[in-house]
Every structure is written in C-alpha cells, then in structure tokens.
Amino acid sequence: MFKLASTLYLDKLEKTYKRVLTVNKIPDGPLKNMVLQIKPERLSEFIHNDNQYNCCIYVIDSGLKLRCNDYKYLTLDDIDLLFEYIFENDYKIDETITKLTLKNKRINSNDEFICYLKYSP
C-alpha cells in the first residue's frame, strides 16, 4: 500500500509553482517504472531549518501524459489520467484507510492527501 498526494513544487526553470502528484514510496506493479526520486527546491528563500527540503520526494513521471502541455511530472491537473492508468493496471483504492486518514488528518500546507492505493494483480 502507498499514499498518493499532491505536493507543492517549485520549478526554477519555468519559475512557477505546481502541484505535482507524489507517492510516499516506490509502489509495487507497473507504476514503479514511472516513479522518480527528486530533491525538491525550497519554496521560499525565507524558509530555514525546514527538514522537508533535506530529503527526497517520489514524483510520477509524465510518461502517461496524452495532453499537449508537456510538463515533466504529473500534476494535480492530470489526476484523471493517473486514475485511468491505475485502474487499468490492477491498483485499487483502499477506501477504509483513506476514509480514516481523511477523518483524522493533520493539515500540512505543502502536501494534500488524495488516497491510499494498493496493487492487487
């Protein structure tokens, strides 16, 4: 089982903020071939001692993208493409854990929890 979320990401080349789709670990199944480990940029030069920017995050490569706006990682705007892919490739939403998490969630301004998924071939 793994967590799907969207994370605020600073793209220094495009000089924009994007909500990229992330997972908390490398998943089982075919999705693992599309997950990349990256070190995110600091969202602001004024943030100091923020441990989040000392570690890496797992983003989903845009290899799924069928759209013209060709961003390198899947963003929240691409959630429909990701869900189509995961359902076609034997992933299921763990509704029980997802509901519990949503009910008891602590708010983190950088991550937005979406759901828990599991690979069930």
N, C-alpha and C. Protein backbone atom coordinates (compact mmCIF):
# COMPACT_ATOMS: atom_id res chain seq x y z
N MET A 1 0.85 -1.18 0.00
CA MET A 1 0.00 0.00 0.00
C MET A 1 0.90 1.24 0.00
N PHE A 2 0.43 2.27 -0.70
CA PHE A 2 1.18 3.52 -0.74
C PHE A 2 0.22 4.70 -0.78
N LYS A 3 0.73 5.86 -0.37
CA LYS A 3 -0.07 7.08 -0.29
C LYS A 3 0.12 7.90 -1.56
N LEU A 4 -0.99 8.37 -2.11
CA LEU A 4 -0.97 9.30 -3.23
C LEU A 4 -1.33 10.68 -2.69
N ALA A 5 -0.54 11.68 -3.05
CA ALA A 5 -0.78 13.05 -2.59
C ALA A 5 -0.37 14.01 -3.70
N SER A 6 -0.68 15.27 -3.50
CA SER A 6 -0.13 16.31 -4.36
C SER A 6 0.73 17.19 -3.47
N THR A 7 1.85 17.61 -4.02
CA THR A 7 2.83 18.38 -3.26
C THR A 7 3.18 19.64 -4.03
N LEU A 8 3.23 20.75 -3.31
CA LEU A 8 3.62 22.00 -3.95
C LEU A 8 5.10 21.91 -4.33
N TYR A 9 5.40 22.24 -5.57
CA TYR A 9 6.74 22.07 -6.13
C TYR A 9 7.13 23.34 -6.86
N LEU A 10 8.33 23.83 -6.59
CA LEU A 10 8.86 25.00 -7.28
C LEU A 10 9.70 24.54 -8.46
N ASP A 11 9.28 24.93 -9.65
CA ASP A 11 10.05 24.65 -10.86
C ASP A 11 10.87 25.89 -11.17
N LYS A 12 12.15 25.82 -10.88
CA LYS A 12 13.01 27.00 -11.05
C LYS A 12 13.22 27.34 -12.53
N LEU A 13 13.17 26.35 -13.41
CA LEU A 13 13.34 26.64 -14.83
C LEU A 13 12.16 27.42 -15.39
N GLU A 14 10.95 26.98 -15.05
CA GLU A 14 9.75 27.67 -15.53
C GLU A 14 9.34 28.82 -14.62
N LYS A 15 9.98 28.91 -13.45
CA LYS A 15 9.69 29.95 -12.46
C LYS A 15 8.21 29.96 -12.08
N THR A 16 7.69 28.76 -11.78
CA THR A 16 6.30 28.61 -11.37
C THR A 16 6.19 27.57 -10.27
N TYR A 17 5.09 27.64 -9.54
CA TYR A 17 4.75 26.61 -8.57
C TYR A 17 3.74 25.67 -9.21
N LYS A 18 3.91 24.38 -8.95
CA LYS A 18 2.98 23.38 -9.48
C LYS A 18 2.65 22.40 -8.37
N ARG A 19 1.47 21.80 -8.44
CA ARG A 19 1.09 20.73 -7.52
C ARG A 19 1.37 19.43 -8.23
N VAL A 20 2.52 18.81 -7.93
CA VAL A 20 2.88 17.55 -8.57
C VAL A 20 2.30 16.38 -7.77
N LEU A 21 1.99 15.29 -8.48
CA LEU A 21 1.49 14.09 -7.83
C LEU A 21 2.66 13.30 -7.27
N THR A 22 2.55 12.89 -6.01
CA THR A 22 3.63 12.18 -5.34
C THR A 22 3.11 10.92 -4.67
N VAL A 23 4.03 10.00 -4.42
CA VAL A 23 3.75 8.81 -3.62
C VAL A 23 4.77 8.78 -2.49
N ASN A 24 4.44 8.08 -1.41
CA ASN A 24 5.34 8.08 -0.26
C ASN A 24 6.46 7.05 -0.36
N LYS A 25 6.35 6.14 -1.34
CA LYS A 25 7.41 5.14 -1.56
C LYS A 25 7.25 4.58 -2.97
N ILE A 26 8.23 3.82 -3.41
CA ILE A 26 8.15 3.18 -4.72
C ILE A 26 7.07 2.10 -4.64
N PRO A 27 6.03 2.19 -5.48
CA PRO A 27 4.95 1.21 -5.40
C PRO A 27 5.29 -0.10 -6.10
N ASP A 28 4.58 -1.15 -5.75
CA ASP A 28 4.67 -2.41 -6.48
C ASP A 28 3.93 -2.22 -7.81
N GLY A 29 4.19 -3.14 -8.74
CA GLY A 29 3.48 -3.13 -10.01
C GLY A 29 4.09 -2.19 -11.03
N PRO A 30 3.41 -2.02 -12.16
CA PRO A 30 3.98 -1.25 -13.27
C PRO A 30 4.18 0.24 -13.00
N LEU A 31 3.47 0.79 -12.05
CA LEU A 31 3.64 2.22 -11.74
C LEU A 31 5.06 2.53 -11.24
N LYS A 32 5.72 1.53 -10.67
CA LYS A 32 7.08 1.77 -10.13
C LYS A 32 8.04 2.25 -11.22
N ASN A 33 7.77 1.88 -12.47
CA ASN A 33 8.65 2.30 -13.57
C ASN A 33 8.46 3.76 -13.95
N MET A 34 7.46 4.40 -13.39
CA MET A 34 7.19 5.80 -13.72
C MET A 34 7.42 6.72 -12.53
N VAL A 35 7.92 6.18 -11.43
CA VAL A 35 8.16 6.99 -10.24
C VAL A 35 9.63 7.39 -10.20
N LEU A 36 9.86 8.67 -9.98
CA LEU A 36 11.22 9.21 -9.92
C LEU A 36 11.45 9.83 -8.55
N GLN A 37 12.66 9.66 -8.03
CA GLN A 37 13.02 10.28 -6.76
C GLN A 37 13.73 11.60 -7.08
N ILE A 38 13.22 12.71 -6.52
CA ILE A 38 13.84 14.01 -6.75
C ILE A 38 14.00 14.74 -5.42
N LYS A 39 14.90 15.70 -5.42
CA LYS A 39 15.06 16.58 -4.25
C LYS A 39 14.37 17.90 -4.59
N PRO A 40 13.30 18.23 -3.88
CA PRO A 40 12.57 19.45 -4.22
C PRO A 40 13.35 20.71 -3.86
N GLU A 41 13.09 21.75 -4.61
CA GLU A 41 13.66 23.07 -4.33
C GLU A 41 12.92 23.68 -3.15
N ARG A 42 13.59 24.53 -2.42
CA ARG A 42 12.93 25.29 -1.36
C ARG A 42 11.85 26.17 -1.97
N LEU A 43 10.69 26.21 -1.36
CA LEU A 43 9.59 27.01 -1.89
C LEU A 43 9.84 28.51 -1.72
N SER A 44 10.68 28.85 -0.74
CA SER A 44 10.97 30.24 -0.48
C SER A 44 12.37 30.35 0.11
N GLU A 45 13.06 31.40 -0.23
CA GLU A 45 14.39 31.61 0.35
C GLU A 45 14.30 32.00 1.82
N PHE A 46 13.11 32.30 2.28
CA PHE A 46 12.93 32.73 3.66
C PHE A 46 12.64 31.57 4.61
N ILE A 47 12.48 30.38 4.08
CA ILE A 47 12.24 29.21 4.93
C ILE A 47 13.59 28.65 5.36
N HIS A 48 13.78 28.53 6.65
CA HIS A 48 15.03 27.98 7.18
C HIS A 48 14.71 26.82 8.10
N ASN A 49 15.64 25.87 8.20
CA ASN A 49 15.50 24.71 9.08
C ASN A 49 14.25 23.88 8.77
N ASP A 50 13.89 23.82 7.51
CA ASP A 50 12.73 23.03 7.11
C ASP A 50 13.24 21.67 6.65
N ASN A 51 13.01 20.63 7.45
CA ASN A 51 13.54 19.29 7.16
C ASN A 51 13.02 18.70 5.86
N GLN A 52 11.85 19.15 5.40
CA GLN A 52 11.28 18.58 4.19
C GLN A 52 12.21 18.76 2.99
N TYR A 53 12.95 19.84 2.95
CA TYR A 53 13.79 20.12 1.80
C TYR A 53 15.18 19.52 1.92
N ASN A 54 15.39 18.73 2.96
CA ASN A 54 16.64 17.99 3.10
C ASN A 54 16.48 16.56 2.61
N CYS A 55 15.25 16.17 2.25
CA CYS A 55 15.02 14.80 1.81
C CYS A 55 14.42 14.81 0.41
N CYS A 56 14.22 13.63 -0.12
CA CYS A 56 13.70 13.49 -1.47
C CYS A 56 12.21 13.17 -1.45
N ILE A 57 11.57 13.40 -2.57
CA ILE A 57 10.18 13.02 -2.74
C ILE A 57 10.08 12.13 -3.98
N TYR A 58 9.00 11.36 -4.05
CA TYR A 58 8.76 10.49 -5.20
C TYR A 58 7.66 11.10 -6.06
N VAL A 59 8.00 11.51 -7.26
CA VAL A 59 7.04 12.09 -8.19
C VAL A 59 6.73 11.08 -9.29
N ILE A 60 5.63 11.31 -9.99
CA ILE A 60 5.24 10.41 -11.08
C ILE A 60 5.60 11.08 -12.40
N ASP A 61 6.41 10.39 -13.17
CA ASP A 61 6.87 10.88 -14.47
C ASP A 61 5.69 11.10 -15.40
N SER A 62 5.83 12.04 -16.31
CA SER A 62 4.72 12.38 -17.20
C SER A 62 4.61 11.46 -18.40
N GLY A 63 5.21 10.30 -18.35
CA GLY A 63 5.09 9.34 -19.45
C GLY A 63 3.65 8.98 -19.76
N LEU A 64 2.75 9.16 -18.81
CA LEU A 64 1.33 8.90 -19.01
C LEU A 64 0.64 9.97 -19.83
N LYS A 65 1.24 11.13 -19.90
CA LYS A 65 0.53 12.29 -20.43
C LYS A 65 0.17 12.15 -21.90
N LEU A 66 -1.05 12.48 -22.17
CA LEU A 66 -1.54 12.49 -23.55
C LEU A 66 -1.88 13.91 -23.97
N ARG A 67 -1.65 14.86 -23.09
CA ARG A 67 -2.02 16.24 -23.36
C ARG A 67 -0.86 16.99 -24.02
N CYS A 68 -1.18 18.15 -24.53
CA CYS A 68 -0.16 18.97 -25.20
C CYS A 68 0.77 19.68 -24.22
N ASN A 69 0.25 20.12 -23.07
CA ASN A 69 1.13 20.82 -22.14
C ASN A 69 2.02 19.81 -21.45
N ASP A 70 3.18 19.70 -21.88
CA ASP A 70 4.08 18.60 -21.72
C ASP A 70 5.00 18.79 -20.51
N TYR A 71 4.44 18.87 -19.31
CA TYR A 71 5.26 19.06 -18.12
C TYR A 71 5.93 17.73 -17.75
N LYS A 72 7.10 17.79 -17.15
CA LYS A 72 7.90 16.59 -16.89
C LYS A 72 7.33 15.66 -15.83
N TYR A 73 6.51 16.16 -14.90
CA TYR A 73 5.89 15.33 -13.87
C TYR A 73 4.38 15.48 -13.96
N LEU A 74 3.66 14.45 -13.51
CA LEU A 74 2.21 14.57 -13.47
C LEU A 74 1.83 15.58 -12.39
N THR A 75 0.86 16.40 -12.70
CA THR A 75 0.37 17.40 -11.75
C THR A 75 -1.06 17.05 -11.36
N LEU A 76 -1.59 17.80 -10.43
CA LEU A 76 -2.96 17.58 -9.98
C LEU A 76 -3.95 17.67 -11.14
N ASP A 77 -3.64 18.46 -12.14
CA ASP A 77 -4.50 18.55 -13.33
C ASP A 77 -4.57 17.23 -14.11
N ASP A 78 -3.61 16.34 -13.86
CA ASP A 78 -3.54 15.06 -14.58
C ASP A 78 -4.11 13.89 -13.78
N ILE A 79 -4.81 14.18 -12.69
CA ILE A 79 -5.30 13.11 -11.81
C ILE A 79 -6.18 12.12 -12.56
N ASP A 80 -6.96 12.60 -13.54
CA ASP A 80 -7.81 11.70 -14.31
C ASP A 80 -6.99 10.69 -15.10
N LEU A 81 -5.89 11.12 -15.68
CA LEU A 81 -5.01 10.21 -16.41
C LEU A 81 -4.40 9.16 -15.49
N LEU A 82 -3.99 9.61 -14.31
CA LEU A 82 -3.39 8.68 -13.35
C LEU A 82 -4.41 7.65 -12.89
N PHE A 83 -5.62 8.09 -12.53
CA PHE A 83 -6.63 7.13 -12.08
C PHE A 83 -7.01 6.15 -13.19
N GLU A 84 -7.10 6.61 -14.41
CA GLU A 84 -7.37 5.70 -15.52
C GLU A 84 -6.27 4.63 -15.61
N TYR A 85 -5.03 5.08 -15.50
CA TYR A 85 -3.90 4.15 -15.57
C TYR A 85 -3.92 3.15 -14.41
N ILE A 86 -4.13 3.63 -13.19
CA ILE A 86 -4.04 2.72 -12.05
C ILE A 86 -5.17 1.69 -12.06
N PHE A 87 -6.37 2.10 -12.49
CA PHE A 87 -7.48 1.14 -12.52
C PHE A 87 -7.30 0.12 -13.64
N GLU A 88 -6.68 0.52 -14.74
CA GLU A 88 -6.41 -0.41 -15.84
C GLU A 88 -5.27 -1.37 -15.51
N ASN A 89 -4.48 -1.04 -14.50
CA ASN A 89 -3.30 -1.85 -14.16
C ASN A 89 -3.39 -2.47 -12.77
N ASP A 90 -4.58 -2.82 -12.34
CA ASP A 90 -4.82 -3.61 -11.13
C ASP A 90 -4.48 -2.92 -9.81
N TYR A 91 -4.58 -1.61 -9.77
CA TYR A 91 -4.46 -0.89 -8.50
C TYR A 91 -5.87 -0.62 -7.98
N LYS A 92 -6.02 -0.63 -6.68
CA LYS A 92 -7.31 -0.36 -6.04
C LYS A 92 -7.11 0.70 -4.97
N ILE A 93 -8.15 1.52 -4.76
CA ILE A 93 -8.14 2.48 -3.66
C ILE A 93 -8.51 1.72 -2.39
N ASP A 94 -7.70 1.88 -1.35
CA ASP A 94 -8.04 1.30 -0.05
C ASP A 94 -8.97 2.29 0.64
N GLU A 95 -10.27 2.07 0.46
CA GLU A 95 -11.27 3.03 0.93
C GLU A 95 -11.29 3.16 2.45
N THR A 96 -11.10 2.07 3.17
CA THR A 96 -11.15 2.11 4.63
C THR A 96 -10.04 2.99 5.19
N ILE A 97 -8.80 2.75 4.77
CA ILE A 97 -7.67 3.53 5.28
C ILE A 97 -7.75 4.97 4.79
N THR A 98 -8.20 5.16 3.57
CA THR A 98 -8.35 6.51 3.03
C THR A 98 -9.35 7.31 3.87
N LYS A 99 -10.50 6.72 4.17
CA LYS A 99 -11.51 7.41 4.98
C LYS A 99 -11.00 7.73 6.38
N LEU A 100 -10.29 6.77 7.00
CA LEU A 100 -9.73 7.01 8.33
C LEU A 100 -8.72 8.15 8.31
N THR A 101 -7.90 8.16 7.29
CA THR A 101 -6.89 9.21 7.18
C THR A 101 -7.53 10.57 6.99
N LEU A 102 -8.53 10.62 6.11
CA LEU A 102 -9.21 11.90 5.87
C LEU A 102 -9.92 12.40 7.12
N LYS A 103 -10.48 11.47 7.89
CA LYS A 103 -11.20 11.85 9.10
C LYS A 103 -10.26 12.37 10.19
N ASN A 104 -9.07 11.79 10.29
CA ASN A 104 -8.14 12.11 11.37
C ASN A 104 -6.91 12.87 10.90
N LYS A 105 -6.98 13.46 9.74
CA LYS A 105 -5.82 14.07 9.10
C LYS A 105 -5.36 15.35 9.81
N ARG A 106 -4.06 15.44 10.00
CA ARG A 106 -3.44 16.71 10.42
C ARG A 106 -3.09 17.46 9.15
N ILE A 107 -3.29 18.74 9.16
CA ILE A 107 -3.09 19.52 7.93
C ILE A 107 -1.62 19.91 7.78
N ASN A 108 -1.07 19.60 6.61
CA ASN A 108 0.27 20.01 6.22
C ASN A 108 0.08 20.89 4.99
N SER A 109 0.51 22.12 5.07
CA SER A 109 0.22 23.07 4.00
C SER A 109 0.88 22.72 2.68
N ASN A 110 1.91 21.89 2.68
CA ASN A 110 2.60 21.56 1.45
C ASN A 110 2.04 20.31 0.77
N ASP A 111 1.57 19.32 1.52
CA ASP A 111 1.03 18.09 0.96
C ASP A 111 -0.49 18.07 1.06
N GLU A 112 -1.11 17.60 0.01
CA GLU A 112 -2.55 17.38 0.03
C GLU A 112 -2.80 15.90 -0.22
N PHE A 113 -3.25 15.21 0.80
CA PHE A 113 -3.53 13.78 0.73
C PHE A 113 -4.66 13.54 -0.27
N ILE A 114 -4.51 12.50 -1.10
CA ILE A 114 -5.56 12.12 -2.05
C ILE A 114 -6.18 10.79 -1.64
N CYS A 115 -5.35 9.73 -1.55
CA CYS A 115 -5.89 8.43 -1.16
C CYS A 115 -4.73 7.45 -0.94
N TYR A 116 -5.09 6.27 -0.40
CA TYR A 116 -4.15 5.15 -0.33
C TYR A 116 -4.51 4.18 -1.44
N LEU A 117 -3.48 3.65 -2.08
CA LEU A 117 -3.66 2.69 -3.17
C LEU A 117 -2.92 1.41 -2.85
N LYS A 118 -3.42 0.31 -3.41
CA LYS A 118 -2.70 -0.97 -3.29
C LYS A 118 -2.72 -1.67 -4.63
N TYR A 119 -1.68 -2.41 -4.88
CA TYR A 119 -1.56 -3.18 -6.12
C TYR A 119 -2.13 -4.56 -5.86
N SER A 120 -3.11 -4.99 -6.66
CA SER A 120 -3.79 -6.27 -6.47
C SER A 120 -3.89 -7.00 -7.81
N PRO A 121 -2.80 -7.62 -8.24
CA PRO A 121 -2.84 -8.31 -9.55
C PRO A 121 -3.73 -9.55 -9.54
